[in-house]
Structures are given as structure tokens and as C-alpha cells.
PDB file of N, CA and C in Angstrom:
ATOM      1  N   UNK A   1       1.043  -1.326   0.059  1.00  0.00           N
ATOM      2  CA  UNK A   1      -0.042  -0.279   0.022  1.00  0.00           C
ATOM      3  C   UNK A   1       1.056   1.304   0.161  1.00  0.00           C
ATOM      4  N   UNK A   2       2.060   1.367   0.826  1.00  0.00           N
ATOM      5  CA  UNK A   2       2.640   2.326   0.982  1.00  0.00           C
ATOM      6  C   UNK A   2       3.446   2.775  -0.427  1.00  0.00           C
ATOM      7  N   UNK A   3       3.721   1.668  -1.456  1.00  0.00           N
ATOM      8  CA  UNK A   3       4.339   2.006  -2.574  1.00  0.00           C
ATOM      9  C   UNK A   3       3.549   2.623  -3.589  1.00  0.00           C
ATOM     10  N   UNK A   4       1.758   1.893  -3.548  1.00  0.00           N
ATOM     11  CA  UNK A   4       1.123   2.866  -4.445  1.00  0.00           C
ATOM     12  C   UNK A   4       0.956   4.209  -3.818  1.00  0.00           C
ATOM     13  N   UNK A   5       0.846   4.595  -2.826  1.00  0.00           N
ATOM     14  CA  UNK A   5       0.760   5.660  -2.562  1.00  0.00           C
ATOM     15  C   UNK A   5       1.663   6.530  -2.723  1.00  0.00           C
ATOM     16  N   UNK A   6       3.059   6.280  -2.432  1.00  0.00           N
ATOM     17  CA  UNK A   6       4.229   6.858  -2.875  1.00  0.00           C
ATOM     18  C   UNK A   6       4.033   7.073  -4.480  1.00  0.00           C
ATOM     19  N   UNK A   7       3.822   6.209  -5.230  1.00  0.00           N
ATOM     20  CA  UNK A   7       3.693   6.605  -6.509  1.00  0.00           C
ATOM     21  C   UNK A   7       2.885   7.446  -7.198  1.00  0.00           C
ATOM     22  N   UNK A   8       1.744   7.406  -6.487  1.00  0.00           N
ATOM     23  CA  UNK A   8       0.597   8.655  -6.677  1.00  0.00           C
ATOM     24  C   UNK A   8       1.327   9.837  -6.274  1.00  0.00           C
ATOM     25  N   UNK A   9       1.602   9.960  -4.940  1.00  0.00           N
ATOM     26  CA  UNK A   9       2.061  11.344  -4.500  1.00  0.00           C
ATOM     27  C   UNK A   9       3.349  11.713  -5.375  1.00  0.00           C
ATOM     28  N   UNK A  10       4.238  10.762  -5.538  1.00  0.00           N
ATOM     29  CA  UNK A  10       5.138  11.284  -6.492  1.00  0.00           C
ATOM     30  C   UNK A  10       4.667  11.929  -8.046  1.00  0.00           C
ATOM     31  N   UNK A  11       4.006  11.457  -8.391  1.00  0.00           N
ATOM     32  CA  UNK A  11       3.237  11.774  -9.438  1.00  0.00           C
ATOM     33  C   UNK A  11       2.667  13.132  -9.782  1.00  0.00           C
ATOM     34  N   UNK A  12       1.766  13.310  -8.496  1.00  0.00           N
ATOM     35  CA  UNK A  12       1.239  14.427  -8.290  1.00  0.00           C
ATOM     36  C   UNK A  12       2.268  15.588  -8.102  1.00  0.00           C
ATOM     37  N   UNK A  13       3.087  15.310  -7.078  1.00  0.00           N
ATOM     38  CA  UNK A  13       4.219  16.798  -7.008  1.00  0.00           C
ATOM     39  C   UNK A  13       4.870  16.609  -8.305  1.00  0.00           C
ATOM     40  N   UNK A  14       5.263  15.618  -9.086  1.00  0.00           N
ATOM     41  CA  UNK A  14       6.003  15.848 -10.327  1.00  0.00           C
ATOM     42  C   UNK A  14       4.793  16.544 -11.491  1.00  0.00           C
ATOM     43  N   UNK A  15       3.844  16.440 -11.466  1.00  0.00           N
ATOM     44  CA  UNK A  15       2.573  17.454 -12.081  1.00  0.00           C
ATOM     45  C   UNK A  15       2.845  18.645 -11.685  1.00  0.00           C
ATOM     46  N   UNK A  16       2.636  19.072 -10.426  1.00  0.00           N
ATOM     47  CA  UNK A  16       2.460  20.256  -9.820  1.00  0.00           C
ATOM     48  C   UNK A  16       3.785  20.787 -10.189  1.00  0.00           C
ATOM     49  N   UNK A  17       4.997  20.345 -10.365  1.00  0.00           N
ATOM     50  CA  UNK A  17       6.206  21.021 -10.584  1.00  0.00           C
ATOM     51  C   UNK A  17       6.031  21.122 -12.156  1.00  0.00           C
ATOM     52  N   UNK A  18       5.516  21.099 -12.746  1.00  0.00           N
ATOM     53  CA  UNK A  18       5.617  21.162 -14.297  1.00  0.00           C
ATOM     54  C   UNK A  18       6.321  20.086 -14.892  1.00  0.00           C
ATOM     55  N   UNK A  19       6.603  19.020 -14.361  1.00  0.00           N
ATOM     56  CA  UNK A  19       7.472  18.464 -15.346  1.00  0.00           C
ATOM     57  C   UNK A  19       6.672  17.551 -16.534  1.00  0.00           C
ATOM     58  N   UNK A  20       7.163  17.570 -17.616  1.00  0.00           N
ATOM     59  CA  UNK A  20       6.545  17.169 -18.713  1.00  0.00           C
ATOM     60  C   UNK A  20       7.126  15.429 -19.002  1.00  0.00           C
ATOM     61  N   UNK A  21       8.423  15.452 -18.600  1.00  0.00           N
ATOM     62  CA  UNK A  21       9.096  13.709 -19.001  1.00  0.00           C
ATOM     63  C   UNK A  21       9.393  13.414 -17.554  1.00  0.00           C
ATOM     64  N   UNK A  22       9.264  12.266 -17.389  1.00  0.00           N
ATOM     65  CA  UNK A  22       9.500  11.482 -16.127  1.00  0.00           C
ATOM     66  C   UNK A  22       9.811   9.906 -16.244  1.00  0.00           C
ATOM     67  N   UNK A  23      10.839   9.253 -15.736  1.00  0.00           N
ATOM     68  CA  UNK A  23      11.074   8.236 -15.729  1.00  0.00           C
ATOM     69  C   UNK A  23      10.605   7.801 -14.035  1.00  0.00           C
ATOM     70  N   UNK A  24       9.718   6.648 -13.895  1.00  0.00           N
ATOM     71  CA  UNK A  24       9.556   6.424 -12.336  1.00  0.00           C
ATOM     72  C   UNK A  24       9.779   5.008 -12.443  1.00  0.00           C
ATOM     73  N   UNK A  25      10.994   4.586 -11.724  1.00  0.00           N
ATOM     74  CA  UNK A  25      11.153   3.026 -11.253  1.00  0.00           C
ATOM     75  C   UNK A  25      10.765   2.623  -9.905  1.00  0.00           C
ATOM     76  N   UNK A  26       9.961   1.569 -10.001  1.00  0.00           N
ATOM     77  CA  UNK A  26       9.156   0.766  -9.122  1.00  0.00           C
ATOM     78  C   UNK A  26      10.114  -0.328  -8.564  1.00  0.00           C
ATOM     79  N   UNK A  27      10.025  -0.804  -7.491  1.00  0.00           N
ATOM     80  CA  UNK A  27      10.509  -2.077  -6.771  1.00  0.00           C
ATOM     81  C   UNK A  27       9.536  -3.239  -7.070  1.00  0.00           C
ATOM     82  N   UNK A  28       8.115  -2.427  -7.097  1.00  0.00           N
ATOM     83  CA  UNK A  28       7.296  -3.554  -6.869  1.00  0.00           C
ATOM     84  C   UNK A  28       7.006  -4.078  -8.469  1.00  0.00           C
ATOM     85  N   UNK A  29       7.338  -5.288  -8.881  1.00  0.00           N
ATOM     86  CA  UNK A  29       6.733  -5.857 -10.125  1.00  0.00           C
ATOM     87  C   UNK A  29       5.299  -5.759 -10.478  1.00  0.00           C
ATOM     88  N   UNK A  30       4.656  -6.299  -9.121  1.00  0.00           N
ATOM     89  CA  UNK A  30       3.302  -6.446  -9.059  1.00  0.00           C
ATOM     90  C   UNK A  30       2.594  -5.039  -9.502  1.00  0.00           C
ATOM     91  N   UNK A  31       3.117  -4.058  -9.037  1.00  0.00           N
ATOM     92  CA  UNK A  31       2.307  -2.715  -9.040  1.00  0.00           C
ATOM     93  C   UNK A  31       2.686  -2.305 -10.686  1.00  0.00           C
ATOM     94  N   UNK A  32       3.734  -2.656 -10.936  1.00  0.00           N
ATOM     95  CA  UNK A  32       4.259  -2.048 -12.314  1.00  0.00           C
ATOM     96  C   UNK A  32       3.212  -2.602 -13.429  1.00  0.00           C
ATOM     97  N   UNK A  33       3.089  -3.942 -13.315  1.00  0.00           N
ATOM     98  CA  UNK A  33       2.160  -5.112 -14.071  1.00  0.00           C
ATOM     99  C   UNK A  33       0.579  -4.305 -14.080  1.00  0.00           C
ATOM    100  N   UNK A  34       0.422  -4.283 -12.720  1.00  0.00           N
ATOM    101  CA  UNK A  34      -1.164  -3.963 -12.633  1.00  0.00           C
ATOM    102  C   UNK A  34      -1.342  -2.532 -13.476  1.00  0.00           C
ATOM    103  N   UNK A  35      -0.460  -1.635 -13.442  1.00  0.00           N
ATOM    104  CA  UNK A  35      -0.834  -0.197 -13.721  1.00  0.00           C
ATOM    105  C   UNK A  35      -0.684  -0.238 -15.509  1.00  0.00           C
ATOM    106  N   UNK A  36       0.718  -1.034 -16.086  1.00  0.00           N
ATOM    107  CA  UNK A  36       0.249  -1.030 -17.038  1.00  0.00           C
ATOM    108  C   UNK A  36      -0.661  -1.997 -18.071  1.00  0.00           C
ATOM    109  N   UNK A  37      -1.203  -2.871 -17.100  1.00  0.00           N
ATOM    110  CA  UNK A  37      -2.140  -3.847 -17.676  1.00  0.00           C
ATOM    111  C   UNK A  37      -3.584  -2.986 -17.440  1.00  0.00           C
ATOM    112  N   UNK A  38      -3.466  -1.835 -17.151  1.00  0.00           N
ATOM    113  CA  UNK A  38      -4.876  -1.274 -16.846  1.00  0.00           C
ATOM    114  C   UNK A  38      -5.545  -2.435 -15.952  1.00  0.00           C
ATOM    115  N   UNK A  39      -5.331  -3.292 -15.606  1.00  0.00           N
ATOM    116  CA  UNK A  39      -6.097  -4.138 -14.685  1.00  0.00           C
ATOM    117  C   UNK A  39      -6.453  -3.563 -13.212  1.00  0.00           C
ATOM    118  N   UNK A  40      -7.302  -2.651 -13.006  1.00  0.00           N
ATOM    119  CA  UNK A  40      -7.594  -2.083 -11.668  1.00  0.00           C
ATOM    120  C   UNK A  40      -8.909  -2.438 -11.188  1.00  0.00           C
ATOM    121  N   UNK A  41      -9.724  -3.288 -12.030  1.00  0.00           N
ATOM    122  CA  UNK A  41     -11.068  -3.148 -11.577  1.00  0.00           C
ATOM    123  C   UNK A  41     -11.200  -4.161 -10.281  1.00  0.00           C
ATOM    124  N   UNK A  42     -10.718  -5.657 -10.095  1.00  0.00           N
ATOM    125  CA  UNK A  42     -10.877  -5.940  -9.027  1.00  0.00           C
ATOM    126  C   UNK A  42      -9.639  -5.877  -7.899  1.00  0.00           C
ATOM    127  N   UNK A  43      -8.896  -5.013  -8.193  1.00  0.00           N
ATOM    128  CA  UNK A  43      -8.011  -4.616  -7.109  1.00  0.00           C
ATOM    129  C   UNK A  43      -8.659  -3.938  -5.848  1.00  0.00           C
ATOM    130  N   UNK A  44      -8.103  -4.332  -4.659  1.00  0.00           N
ATOM    131  CA  UNK A  44      -8.814  -3.703  -3.360  1.00  0.00           C
ATOM    132  C   UNK A  44      -8.152  -2.521  -3.122  1.00  0.00           C
ATOM    133  N   UNK A  45      -7.222  -1.877  -4.268  1.00  0.00           N
ATOM    134  CA  UNK A  45      -6.779  -0.394  -4.129  1.00  0.00           C
ATOM    135  C   UNK A  45      -7.426   0.068  -5.470  1.00  0.00           C
ATOM    136  N   UNK A  46      -8.336   0.041  -5.767  1.00  0.00           N
ATOM    137  CA  UNK A  46      -9.310   0.418  -6.855  1.00  0.00           C
ATOM    138  C   UNK A  46      -9.132   1.768  -6.965  1.00  0.00           C
ATOM    139  N   UNK A  47      -9.660   2.587  -6.238  1.00  0.00           N
ATOM    140  CA  UNK A  47      -9.710   3.960  -6.037  1.00  0.00           C
ATOM    141  C   UNK A  47      -8.492   4.714  -6.538  1.00  0.00           C
ATOM    142  N   UNK A  48      -7.218   4.426  -5.651  1.00  0.00           N
ATOM    143  CA  UNK A  48      -6.114   5.061  -5.992  1.00  0.00           C
ATOM    144  C   UNK A  48      -5.256   4.617  -7.231  1.00  0.00           C
ATOM    145  N   UNK A  49      -5.768   3.459  -7.583  1.00  0.00           N
ATOM    146  CA  UNK A  49      -4.891   2.544  -8.927  1.00  0.00           C
ATOM    147  C   UNK A  49      -5.474   3.476  -9.962  1.00  0.00           C
ATOM    148  N   UNK A  50      -6.976   3.723  -9.583  1.00  0.00           N
ATOM    149  CA  UNK A  50      -8.028   4.696 -10.853  1.00  0.00           C
ATOM    150  C   UNK A  50      -7.080   6.183 -11.023  1.00  0.00           C
ATOM    151  N   UNK A  51      -6.608   6.611  -9.768  1.00  0.00           N
ATOM    152  CA  UNK A  51      -6.496   8.058  -9.784  1.00  0.00           C
ATOM    153  C   UNK A  51      -4.869   7.946 -10.510  1.00  0.00           C
ATOM    154  N   UNK A  52      -4.267   6.980 -10.068  1.00  0.00           N
ATOM    155  CA  UNK A  52      -2.764   6.660 -10.775  1.00  0.00           C
ATOM    156  C   UNK A  52      -2.678   6.549 -12.373  1.00  0.00           C
ATOM    157  N   UNK A  53      -3.682   5.696 -12.687  1.00  0.00           N
ATOM    158  CA  UNK A  53      -4.238   5.774 -14.099  1.00  0.00           C
ATOM    159  C   UNK A  53      -4.417   7.099 -14.676  1.00  0.00           C
ATOM    160  N   UNK A  54      -5.227   7.752 -14.062  1.00  0.00           N
ATOM    161  CA  UNK A  54      -5.887   9.315 -14.572  1.00  0.00           C
ATOM    162  C   UNK A  54      -4.436  10.195 -14.714  1.00  0.00           C
ATOM    163  N   UNK A  55      -3.518  10.253 -13.549  1.00  0.00           N
ATOM    164  CA  UNK A  55      -2.635  11.036 -13.724  1.00  0.00           C
ATOM    165  C   UNK A  55      -1.339  10.358 -15.081  1.00  0.00           C
ATOM    166  N   UNK A  56      -1.496   9.326 -15.366  1.00  0.00           N
ATOM    167  CA  UNK A  56      -0.497   8.626 -16.459  1.00  0.00           C
ATOM    168  C   UNK A  56      -1.243   9.150 -17.829  1.00  0.00           C
ATOM    169  N   UNK A  57      -2.283   9.122 -17.812  1.00  0.00           N
ATOM    170  CA  UNK A  57      -3.039   9.445 -18.990  1.00  0.00           C
ATOM    171  C   UNK A  57      -3.190  11.179 -19.383  1.00  0.00           C
ATOM    172  N   UNK A  58      -2.556  11.913 -18.697  1.00  0.00           N
ATOM    173  CA  UNK A  58      -2.408  13.082 -18.885  1.00  0.00           C
ATOM    174  C   UNK A  58      -1.494  13.467 -20.031  1.00  0.00           C
ATOM    175  N   UNK A  59      -1.297  14.963 -20.416  1.00  0.00           N
ATOM    176  CA  UNK A  59      -0.373  15.159 -21.347  1.00  0.00           C
ATOM    177  C   UNK A  59       1.010  15.464 -21.302  1.00  0.00           C
ATOM    178  N   UNK A  60       1.741  14.393 -20.551  1.00  0.00           N
ATOM    179  CA  UNK A  60       3.104  14.267 -20.428  1.00  0.00           C
ATOM    180  C   UNK A  60       3.499  12.991 -20.583  1.00  0.00           C
ATOM    181  N   UNK A  61       4.776  12.650 -20.736  1.00  0.00           N
ATOM    182  CA  UNK A  61       5.643  11.787 -20.901  1.00  0.00           C
ATOM    183  C   UNK A  61       6.051  10.751 -19.669  1.00  0.00           C
ATOM    184  N   UNK A  62       5.445   9.637 -19.568  1.00  0.00           N
ATOM    185  CA  UNK A  62       6.117   8.768 -18.500  1.00  0.00           C
ATOM    186  C   UNK A  62       6.367   7.351 -18.550  1.00  0.00           C
ATOM    187  N   UNK A  63       7.548   7.056 -18.260  1.00  0.00           N
ATOM    188  CA  UNK A  63       7.798   5.759 -18.129  1.00  0.00           C
ATOM    189  C   UNK A  63       8.173   5.206 -16.927  1.00  0.00           C
ATOM    190  N   UNK A  64       7.129   4.030 -16.815  1.00  0.00           N
ATOM    191  CA  UNK A  64       7.076   3.591 -15.345  1.00  0.00           C
ATOM    192  C   UNK A  64       7.916   2.237 -15.927  1.00  0.00           C
ATOM    193  N   UNK A  65       8.824   1.891 -14.970  1.00  0.00           N
ATOM    194  CA  UNK A  65       9.530   0.416 -15.316  1.00  0.00           C
ATOM    195  C   UNK A  65       9.785  -0.165 -13.951  1.00  0.00           C
ATOM    196  N   UNK A  66       9.839  -1.528 -13.369  1.00  0.00           N
ATOM    197  CA  UNK A  66      10.233  -1.973 -12.499  1.00  0.00           C
ATOM    198  C   UNK A  66      11.948  -2.006 -12.701  1.00  0.00           C
ATOM    199  N   UNK A  67      12.408  -2.029 -11.253  1.00  0.00           N
ATOM    200  CA  UNK A  67      13.621  -2.025 -10.811  1.00  0.00           C
ATOM    201  C   UNK A  67      13.785  -2.731  -9.652  1.00  0.00           C
ATOM    202  N   UNK A  68      14.836  -3.508  -9.625  1.00  0.00           N
ATOM    203  CA  UNK A  68      15.277  -4.436  -8.420  1.00  0.00           C
ATOM    204  C   UNK A  68      15.670  -3.562  -7.031  1.00  0.00           C
ATOM    205  N   UNK A  69      15.102  -3.634  -5.726  1.00  0.00           N
ATOM    206  CA  UNK A  69      15.371  -3.028  -4.801  1.00  0.00           C
ATOM    207  C   UNK A  69      16.873  -2.596  -4.749  1.00  0.00           C
ATOM    208  N   UNK A  70      17.607  -3.658  -4.854  1.00  0.00           N
ATOM    209  CA  UNK A  70      19.370  -3.680  -4.840  1.00  0.00           C
ATOM    210  C   UNK A  70      19.952  -2.490  -5.636  1.00  0.00           C
ATOM    211  N   UNK A  71      19.108  -1.874  -6.847  1.00  0.00           N
ATOM    212  CA  UNK A  71      19.379  -1.059  -7.695  1.00  0.00           C
ATOM    213  C   UNK A  71      18.814   0.050  -7.389  1.00  0.00           C
ATOM    214  N   UNK A  72      18.020   0.215  -6.188  1.00  0.00           N
ATOM    215  CA  UNK A  72      17.235   1.251  -6.230  1.00  0.00           C
ATOM    216  C   UNK A  72      17.423   1.558  -4.660  1.00  0.00           C
ATOM    217  N   UNK A  73      18.761   1.649  -3.914  1.00  0.00           N
ATOM    218  CA  UNK A  73      18.956   1.828  -2.819  1.00  0.00           C
ATOM    219  C   UNK A  73      18.528   3.367  -2.169  1.00  0.00           C
ATOM    220  N   UNK A  74      18.698   4.258  -2.792  1.00  0.00           N
ATOM    221  CA  UNK A  74      17.950   5.640  -2.505  1.00  0.00           C
ATOM    222  C   UNK A  74      16.743   5.595  -1.844  1.00  0.00           C
ATOM    223  N   UNK A  75      15.650   4.874  -3.192  1.00  0.00           N
ATOM    224  CA  UNK A  75      14.695   4.882  -2.654  1.00  0.00           C
ATOM    225  C   UNK A  75      14.238   3.973  -1.225  1.00  0.00           C
ATOM    226  N   UNK A  76      14.835   2.991  -1.543  1.00  0.00           N
ATOM    227  CA  UNK A  76      14.658   2.024  -0.138  1.00  0.00           C
ATOM    228  C   UNK A  76      14.903   2.865   0.880  1.00  0.00           C
ATOM    229  N   UNK A  77      16.247   3.332   1.045  1.00  0.00           N
ATOM    230  CA  UNK A  77      16.505   4.057   2.369  1.00  0.00           C
ATOM    231  C   UNK A  77      15.588   5.231   2.601  1.00  0.00           C
ATOM    232  N   UNK A  78      14.976   5.888   1.909  1.00  0.00           N
ATOM    233  CA  UNK A  78      13.884   7.170   1.898  1.00  0.00           C
ATOM    234  C   UNK A  78      12.577   6.525   2.404  1.00  0.00           C
ATOM    235  N   UNK A  79      12.081   5.438   1.705  1.00  0.00           N
ATOM    236  CA  UNK A  79      10.895   4.701   2.214  1.00  0.00           C
ATOM    237  C   UNK A  79      11.304   4.259   3.805  1.00  0.00           C
ATOM    238  N   UNK A  80      12.407   3.803   4.386  1.00  0.00           N
ATOM    239  CA  UNK A  80      12.707   3.371   5.371  1.00  0.00           C
ATOM    240  C   UNK A  80      12.590   4.414   6.466  1.00  0.00           C
ATOM    241  N   UNK A  81      13.376   5.791   5.887  1.00  0.00           N
ATOM    242  CA  UNK A  81      13.167   6.918   7.016  1.00  0.00           C
ATOM    243  C   UNK A  81      11.641   7.428   7.087  1.00  0.00           C
ATOM    244  N   UNK A  82      11.390   7.402   5.622  1.00  0.00           N
ATOM    245  CA  UNK A  82       9.574   7.858   5.848  1.00  0.00           C
ATOM    246  C   UNK A  82       8.744   7.148   6.910  1.00  0.00           C
ATOM    247  N   UNK A  83       9.176   5.769   7.100  1.00  0.00           N
ATOM    248  CA  UNK A  83       8.329   5.095   7.868  1.00  0.00           C
ATOM    249  C   UNK A  83       8.453   5.360   9.328  1.00  0.00           C
ATOM    250  N   UNK A  84       9.645   6.240   9.565  1.00  0.00           N
ATOM    251  CA  UNK A  84       9.852   6.475  11.012  1.00  0.00           C
ATOM    252  C   UNK A  84       9.434   8.014  11.131  1.00  0.00           C
ATOM    253  N   UNK A  85       8.973   8.543  10.192  1.00  0.00           N
ATOM    254  CA  UNK A  85       8.412  10.323  10.288  1.00  0.00           C
ATOM    255  C   UNK A  85       7.022  10.165  10.973  1.00  0.00           C
ATOM    256  N   UNK A  86       6.817  11.389  11.616  1.00  0.00           N
ATOM    257  CA  UNK A  86       5.332  11.904  11.690  1.00  0.00           C
ATOM    258  C   UNK A  86       4.488  12.620  10.925  1.00  0.00           C
ATOM    259  N   UNK A  87       5.536  13.334  10.037  1.00  0.00           N
ATOM    260  CA  UNK A  87       4.919  13.647   8.827  1.00  0.00           C
ATOM    261  C   UNK A  87       4.355  13.030   7.881  1.00  0.00           C
ATOM    262  N   UNK A  88       3.240  13.225   7.003  1.00  0.00           N
ATOM    263  CA  UNK A  88       2.991  12.554   5.877  1.00  0.00           C
ATOM    264  C   UNK A  88       3.705  12.805   4.632  1.00  0.00           C
ATOM    265  N   UNK A  89       4.272  13.738   4.725  1.00  0.00           N
ATOM    266  CA  UNK A  89       5.073  13.956   3.228  1.00  0.00           C
ATOM    267  C   UNK A  89       6.423  14.844   3.488  1.00  0.00           C
ATOM    268  N   UNK A  90       7.345  14.620   3.163  1.00  0.00           N
ATOM    269  CA  UNK A  90       8.664  15.676   3.337  1.00  0.00           C
ATOM    270  C   UNK A  90       9.669  15.785   1.928  1.00  0.00           C
ATOM    271  N   UNK A  91       9.475  17.073   1.618  1.00  0.00           N
ATOM    272  CA  UNK A  91      10.508  17.503   0.387  1.00  0.00           C
ATOM    273  C   UNK A  91      12.008  17.872   0.700  1.00  0.00           C
ATOM    274  N   UNK A  92      12.964  17.222   0.332  1.00  0.00           N
ATOM    275  CA  UNK A  92      14.162  17.531   0.956  1.00  0.00           C
ATOM    276  C   UNK A  92      14.670  18.822  -0.251  1.00  0.00           C
ATOM    277  N   UNK A  93      15.383  19.748  -0.121  1.00  0.00           N
ATOM    278  CA  UNK A  93      15.883  20.522  -0.816  1.00  0.00           C
ATOM    279  C   UNK A  93      17.515  19.908  -1.174  1.00  0.00           C
ATOM    280  N   UNK A  94      18.250  19.119  -0.604  1.00  0.00           N
ATOM    281  CA  UNK A  94      19.197  18.393  -0.815  1.00  0.00           C
ATOM    282  C   UNK A  94      19.048  17.080  -0.171  1.00  0.00           C
ATOM    283  N   UNK A  95      19.794  15.986  -0.625  1.00  0.00           N
ATOM    284  CA  UNK A  95      19.728  14.989  -0.141  1.00  0.00           C
ATOM    285  C   UNK A  95      20.093  14.743   1.574  1.00  0.00           C
ATOM    286  N   UNK A  96      19.356  13.827   2.033  1.00  0.00           N
ATOM    287  CA  UNK A  96      19.566  13.848   3.585  1.00  0.00           C
ATOM    288  C   UNK A  96      20.924  12.822   3.589  1.00  0.00           C
ATOM    289  N   UNK A  97      21.638  12.759   4.756  1.00  0.00           N
ATOM    290  CA  UNK A  97      22.826  12.543   5.206  1.00  0.00           C
ATOM    291  C   UNK A  97      22.866  10.776   4.873  1.00  0.00           C
ATOM    292  N   UNK A  98      21.625  10.208   5.164  1.00  0.00           N
ATOM    293  CA  UNK A  98      21.552   8.924   5.118  1.00  0.00           C
ATOM    294  C   UNK A  98      21.462   8.508   3.610  1.00  0.00           C
ATOM    295  N   UNK A  99      21.489   9.248   2.596  1.00  0.00           N
ATOM    296  CA  UNK A  99      21.389   9.004   1.168  1.00  0.00           C
ATOM    297  C   UNK A  99      22.800   9.311   0.582  1.00  0.00           C
ATOM    298  N   UNK A 100      23.610  10.292   1.070  1.00  0.00           N
ATOM    299  CA  UNK A 100      24.489  10.889   0.209  1.00  0.00           C
ATOM    300  C   UNK A 100      25.566   9.885  -0.028  1.00  0.00           C
ATOM    301  N   UNK A 101      25.975   8.796   0.733  1.00  0.00           N
ATOM    302  CA  UNK A 101      26.874   7.748   0.119  1.00  0.00           C
ATOM    303  C   UNK A 101      26.407   7.061  -0.892  1.00  0.00           C
ATOM    304  N   UNK A 102      24.989   6.611  -0.787  1.00  0.00           N
ATOM    305  CA  UNK A 102      24.625   5.942  -1.799  1.00  0.00           C
ATOM    306  C   UNK A 102      24.639   6.655  -3.167  1.00  0.00           C
ATOM    307  N   UNK A 103      24.430   7.736  -3.268  1.00  0.00           N
ATOM    308  CA  UNK A 103      24.447   8.666  -4.548  1.00  0.00           C
ATOM    309  C   UNK A 103      25.695   8.956  -4.682  1.00  0.00           C
ATOM    310  N   UNK A 104      26.749   8.809  -3.830  1.00  0.00           N
ATOM    311  CA  UNK A 104      28.193   8.893  -4.083  1.00  0.00           C
ATOM    312  C   UNK A 104      28.390   7.246  -4.879  1.00  0.00           C
ATOM    313  N   UNK A 105      28.100   6.350  -4.161  1.00  0.00           N
ATOM    314  CA  UNK A 105      28.545   5.089  -4.711  1.00  0.00           C
ATOM    315  C   UNK A 105      27.688   5.256  -6.273  1.00  0.00           C
ATOM    316  N   UNK A 106      26.612   5.493  -6.515  1.00  0.00           N
ATOM    317  CA  UNK A 106      25.778   5.649  -7.965  1.00  0.00           C
ATOM    318  C   UNK A 106      26.812   6.281  -8.720  1.00  0.00           C
ATOM    319  N   UNK A 107      27.188   7.342  -8.340  1.00  0.00           N
ATOM    320  CA  UNK A 107      27.895   8.494  -9.276  1.00  0.00           C
ATOM    321  C   UNK A 107      29.296   7.498  -9.652  1.00  0.00           C
ATOM    322  N   UNK A 108      29.756   6.650  -8.929  1.00  0.00           N
ATOM    323  CA  UNK A 108      31.085   6.126  -9.120  1.00  0.00           C
ATOM    324  C   UNK A 108      30.727   4.781  -9.788  1.00  0.00           C
ATOM    325  N   UNK A 109      29.523   4.364  -9.925  1.00  0.00           N
ATOM    326  CA  UNK A 109      29.480   3.330 -10.865  1.00  0.00           C
ATOM    327  C   UNK A 109      29.377   1.747  -9.940  1.00  0.00           C
ATOM    328  N   UNK A 110      29.429   2.349  -8.701  1.00  0.00           N
ATOM    329  CA  UNK A 110      29.579   0.873  -7.638  1.00  0.00           C
ATOM    330  C   UNK A 110      27.891   0.281  -7.578  1.00  0.00           C
ATOM    331  N   UNK A 111      28.281  -1.093  -7.775  1.00  0.00           N
ATOM    332  CA  UNK A 111      27.198  -1.708  -8.018  1.00  0.00           C
ATOM    333  C   UNK A 111      26.976  -3.137  -6.893  1.00  0.00           C
ATOM    334  N   UNK A 112      25.769  -3.632  -6.629  1.00  0.00           N
ATOM    335  CA  UNK A 112      26.043  -4.643  -5.539  1.00  0.00           C
ATOM    336  C   UNK A 112      24.873  -5.940  -6.194  1.00  0.00           C
ATOM    337  N   UNK A 113      25.602  -7.054  -5.577  1.00  0.00           N
ATOM    338  CA  UNK A 113      25.046  -8.163  -6.234  1.00  0.00           C
ATOM    339  C   UNK A 113      23.924  -8.436  -5.844  1.00  0.00           C
ATOM    340  N   UNK A 114      22.757  -9.079  -6.794  1.00  0.00           N
ATOM    341  CA  UNK A 114      21.436  -9.490  -5.951  1.00  0.00           C
ATOM    342  C   UNK A 114      21.643 -11.126  -5.594  1.00  0.00           C
ATOM    343  N   UNK A 115      21.216 -11.125  -4.164  1.00  0.00           N
ATOM    344  CA  UNK A 115      21.423 -12.626  -3.744  1.00  0.00           C
ATOM    345  C   UNK A 115      19.976 -13.413  -3.962  1.00  0.00           C
ATOM    346  N   UNK A 116      19.947 -14.344  -4.770  1.00  0.00           N
ATOM    347  CA  UNK A 116      18.612 -15.092  -5.162  1.00  0.00           C
ATOM    348  C   UNK A 116      18.884 -16.501  -4.301  1.00  0.00           C
ATOM    349  N   UNK A 117      17.878 -16.974  -3.574  1.00  0.00           N
ATOM    350  CA  UNK A 117      17.641 -18.219  -3.132  1.00  0.00           C
ATOM    351  C   UNK A 117      17.170 -19.123  -4.075  1.00  0.00           C
ATOM    352  N   UNK A 118      17.472 -20.052  -4.192  1.00  0.00           N
ATOM    353  CA  UNK A 118      17.560 -21.329  -5.177  1.00  0.00           C
ATOM    354  C   UNK A 118      16.978 -22.588  -4.562  1.00  0.00           C
TER     355      UNK A 118
END
């Protein structure tokens, strides 16, 4: 549920900022498939999914893709930070200390292996 609301709030923020081209990377493959397949009818989150669909259908270019959590470390850290906040929304003027090292690693091309149980 948090990822659905995060996507919705992020799209609203991007729209309000006048962004016309946007790439959104989500680490929930099920969410990406549900949105791209337009299969929101039987979903228990139908109302918010419908709002996301409406935003995606506006006059802007959005690419929504699935990305593994290991490749999306900044978002993972921010999500964990957000779960501990009393506020329902935070907008940062600069990256918080917790994500600066991850951004620096990304800039340097550092990658982490994905561990898969067999």
C-alpha cells in the first residue's frame, strides 16, 4: 500500500512542478504490471489505482519500469526513513545524510550483487 501511495504522491508532485518527461522506477513488479496492464477493476486498491491511471493518461511523457530493490537503494533508504516520520510528506532541498553515500556510490558506478535463493 505504501508503494502505491508513494507512486501517486510522486506523480502529483511531478505534475505540480510542471515536469513533462518523467521516468519512474518502482521495485514492485506487481504494481508495475497492474498499472501497465490497466487491470485495476478487481483490485482492493481500485480507487488509488484509478487515480494513478488518470495521472498517467495526462499530457506528459512517463515511463514506468520495474527495478530491483538493490538497484534502487536511495528509494529504499528514503522509504525506511519515511516510515519513521510523523509527517505524511517530506520534501528535501538536498539529499539527507543517510542517502549521500548511496548517491556517491551511484556516481562512481558501484553496484551490488542481487542475492537469489535457489
